[in-house]
Amino acid sequence: MQESRKTILNVPNILTMVRLLLIPIYWVLMMVRNNETAALIVFVTASATDLLDGYIARRFHLITDWGKLFDPLADKLMVLSVMVTLMLKGAVPPVILGIIAAKELVMMVGAAVMLHRKIVAYSKPIGKAAQFTMVVGMVLTFFRAHFPAPYHLYVLWLATGMMLAALAYYAHGAVKALRAPQQNAD
């Protein structure tokens, strides 16, 4: 079923589009202008639009297939963008970025397989908690010079562990969902 342009152009989807457009702005501020404060403001704004678009979509029944696909994609691209720039600045070890990138790749492949089978996976509380913790860790990273210890890394490692736990949870659910039609066919 194809969605009409009018259906796609609702407030939650426009907020998702704004979040996608904020990614190159973040990059320019962080890497070209070397303005971490402005880049942080863009990142926090993007994170706020993520919370807002999800709330509006659920509250006003504006959930679309486009939004189901592009909202998590925008989140993943923003998180990976911030992590890459923070790694390039020496604030985050490459291993954290590597784990997160691998996890996101597995999630995208899994989502594509499920979407091909017409199975939609919705975000779960464990994934939302992991995402929130990761955002907190990334925000703390911008203030790393003000802490006596690498608290930002403690939070990022906690978030990375939570993301891996979420991945295991989603993988278990995906395998179960993918096997369900086969079991019914027997």
Protein backbone atom coordinates (compact mmCIF):
# COMPACT_ATOMS: atom_id res chain seq x y z
CA MET A 1 0.00 0.00 0.00
CA GLN A 2 1.48 3.32 -1.04
CA GLU A 3 0.93 6.34 1.09
CA SER A 4 -0.15 9.58 -0.49
CA ARG A 5 2.04 12.65 -0.29
CA LYS A 6 -0.61 14.28 1.89
CA THR A 7 -0.46 11.40 4.36
CA ILE A 8 3.33 11.54 4.52
CA LEU A 9 3.42 15.30 5.08
CA ASN A 10 2.25 15.30 8.66
CA VAL A 11 3.90 16.93 11.67
CA PRO A 12 5.79 13.84 12.94
CA ASN A 13 7.22 13.09 9.50
CA ILE A 14 8.19 16.72 8.96
CA LEU A 15 10.05 16.61 12.29
CA THR A 16 11.85 13.48 11.07
CA MET A 17 12.79 15.32 7.87
CA VAL A 18 14.09 18.23 9.95
CA ARG A 19 16.19 15.79 11.97
CA LEU A 20 17.68 14.41 8.75
CA LEU A 21 18.47 17.95 7.59
CA LEU A 22 20.15 18.74 10.92
CA ILE A 23 22.79 16.05 10.33
CA PRO A 24 24.87 18.00 7.77
CA ILE A 25 24.41 21.17 9.83
CA TYR A 26 25.80 19.32 12.85
CA TRP A 27 28.77 18.10 10.78
CA VAL A 28 29.62 21.58 9.53
CA LEU A 29 29.42 23.08 13.01
CA MET A 30 31.42 20.29 14.65
CA MET A 31 34.09 19.54 12.07
CA VAL A 32 34.38 22.61 9.82
CA ARG A 33 33.70 25.43 12.25
CA ASN A 34 34.95 23.50 15.31
CA ASN A 35 32.05 24.92 17.31
CA GLU A 36 31.15 22.20 19.80
CA THR A 37 28.59 24.37 21.60
CA ALA A 38 26.58 25.06 18.44
CA ALA A 39 26.93 21.42 17.36
CA LEU A 40 25.65 20.31 20.76
CA ILE A 41 22.63 22.59 20.41
CA VAL A 42 21.84 21.06 17.01
CA PHE A 43 22.24 17.54 18.43
CA VAL A 44 19.99 18.26 21.43
CA THR A 45 17.43 19.86 19.10
CA ALA A 46 17.49 16.76 16.89
CA SER A 47 17.07 14.53 19.95
CA ALA A 48 14.11 16.64 21.09
CA THR A 49 12.44 16.31 17.69
CA ASP A 50 12.79 12.54 18.03
CA LEU A 51 10.86 12.57 21.31
CA LEU A 52 8.31 15.03 19.96
CA ASP A 53 7.58 13.26 16.66
CA GLY A 54 7.01 9.93 18.36
CA TYR A 55 4.65 11.45 20.91
CA ILE A 56 2.66 13.35 18.28
CA ALA A 57 2.47 10.33 15.96
CA ARG A 58 1.07 8.09 18.70
CA ARG A 59 -1.15 10.70 20.36
CA PHE A 60 -2.82 11.86 17.16
CA HIS A 61 -2.72 8.56 15.26
CA LEU A 62 -0.34 9.90 12.61
CA ILE A 63 1.82 6.81 12.32
CA THR A 64 2.78 6.14 8.70
CA ASP A 65 4.85 3.50 6.96
CA TRP A 66 7.21 6.29 5.85
CA GLY A 67 7.66 7.35 9.47
CA LYS A 68 8.23 3.77 10.62
CA LEU A 69 11.11 3.54 8.17
CA PHE A 70 12.66 7.02 8.28
CA ASP A 71 12.27 7.89 11.98
CA PRO A 72 14.65 5.16 13.18
CA LEU A 73 16.92 5.81 10.19
CA ALA A 74 17.20 9.48 11.16
CA ASP A 75 17.98 8.47 14.74
CA LYS A 76 20.68 6.02 13.68
CA LEU A 77 22.28 8.48 11.27
CA MET A 78 22.34 11.25 13.88
CA VAL A 79 23.79 9.01 16.60
CA LEU A 80 26.42 7.61 14.25
CA SER A 81 27.28 11.11 13.01
CA VAL A 82 27.79 12.41 16.54
CA MET A 83 29.79 9.33 17.53
CA VAL A 84 32.04 9.61 14.47
CA THR A 85 32.78 13.28 15.12
CA LEU A 86 33.42 12.65 18.81
CA MET A 87 35.77 9.81 17.90
CA LEU A 88 37.57 12.02 15.38
CA LYS A 89 38.00 14.61 18.13
CA GLY A 90 39.52 11.92 20.39
CA ALA A 91 36.68 12.06 22.92
CA VAL A 92 35.30 8.56 22.28
CA PRO A 93 37.31 5.39 21.69
CA PRO A 94 36.86 3.80 18.24
CA VAL A 95 35.73 0.51 19.82
CA ILE A 96 32.49 2.10 21.07
CA LEU A 97 31.77 3.47 17.60
CA GLY A 98 32.62 0.08 16.08
CA ILE A 99 30.23 -1.78 18.38
CA ILE A 100 27.42 0.70 17.76
CA ALA A 101 27.96 0.71 13.99
CA ALA A 102 27.97 -3.11 13.88
CA LYS A 103 24.82 -3.24 16.00
CA GLU A 104 23.08 -0.72 13.75
CA LEU A 105 24.09 -2.67 10.64
CA VAL A 106 22.66 -5.88 12.11
CA MET A 107 19.47 -4.03 13.07
CA MET A 108 19.10 -2.54 9.56
CA VAL A 109 19.61 -5.90 7.86
CA GLY A 110 17.16 -7.52 10.26
CA ALA A 111 14.61 -4.76 9.70
CA ALA A 112 14.95 -5.14 5.92
CA VAL A 113 14.37 -8.90 6.15
CA MET A 114 11.35 -8.38 8.36
CA LEU A 115 9.98 -5.59 6.18
CA HIS A 116 10.34 -7.86 3.14
CA ARG A 117 8.19 -10.39 5.03
CA LYS A 118 5.70 -7.61 5.88
CA ILE A 119 6.60 -7.75 9.58
CA VAL A 120 6.98 -4.40 11.32
CA ALA A 121 9.11 -4.26 14.45
CA TYR A 122 8.22 -1.51 16.86
CA SER A 123 10.64 -0.01 19.32
CA LYS A 124 10.56 -1.49 22.79
CA PRO A 125 11.29 0.12 26.17
CA ILE A 126 14.74 -1.50 26.34
CA GLY A 127 15.69 0.08 23.00
CA LYS A 128 14.31 3.47 24.03
CA ALA A 129 16.19 3.31 27.36
CA ALA A 130 19.41 2.40 25.54
CA GLN A 131 18.93 5.26 23.07
CA PHE A 132 18.22 7.73 25.89
CA THR A 133 21.31 6.58 27.81
CA MET A 134 23.43 6.89 24.67
CA VAL A 135 22.19 10.45 24.07
CA VAL A 136 22.96 11.35 27.70
CA GLY A 137 26.46 9.88 27.29
CA MET A 138 27.04 11.81 24.09
CA VAL A 139 25.84 15.07 25.65
CA LEU A 140 28.16 14.47 28.62
CA THR A 141 31.01 13.98 26.15
CA PHE A 142 30.69 17.60 25.10
CA PHE A 143 31.41 18.55 28.73
CA ARG A 144 34.26 16.05 29.22
CA ALA A 145 36.84 18.72 30.04
CA HIS A 146 34.81 19.79 33.07
CA PHE A 147 34.79 16.38 34.79
CA PRO A 148 37.53 15.01 37.07
CA ALA A 149 36.96 11.51 35.65
CA PRO A 150 35.76 10.20 32.26
CA TYR A 151 32.12 10.02 33.35
CA HIS A 152 31.00 10.37 29.75
CA LEU A 153 32.78 7.11 28.93
CA TYR A 154 31.13 5.30 31.83
CA VAL A 155 27.72 6.34 30.52
CA LEU A 156 28.65 5.51 26.91
CA TRP A 157 29.85 2.04 27.91
CA LEU A 158 26.64 1.50 29.91
CA ALA A 159 24.61 2.62 26.88
CA THR A 160 26.62 0.34 24.59
CA GLY A 161 25.87 -2.61 26.86
CA MET A 162 22.20 -1.67 26.93
CA MET A 163 22.18 -1.42 23.12
CA LEU A 164 23.67 -4.91 22.85
CA ALA A 165 21.03 -6.21 25.27
CA ALA A 166 18.36 -4.51 23.17
CA LEU A 167 19.84 -6.10 20.04
CA ALA A 168 19.60 -9.55 21.66
CA TYR A 169 16.00 -8.83 22.66
CA TYR A 170 15.08 -7.65 19.16
CA ALA A 171 16.90 -10.58 17.54
CA HIS A 172 14.98 -13.04 19.70
CA GLY A 173 11.70 -11.37 18.76
CA ALA A 174 12.64 -11.24 15.09
CA VAL A 175 13.51 -14.93 14.94
CA LYS A 176 10.24 -15.73 16.68
CA ALA A 177 8.26 -13.52 14.27
CA LEU A 178 10.02 -14.90 11.20
CA ARG A 179 9.36 -18.49 12.27
CA ALA A 180 5.71 -17.89 13.14
CA PRO A 181 4.34 -17.91 9.55
CA GLN A 182 6.33 -21.06 8.77
CA GLN A 183 4.94 -22.82 11.82
CA ASN A 184 1.39 -21.82 10.87
CA ALA A 185 1.92 -23.15 7.35
CA ASP A 186 2.88 -26.63 8.63
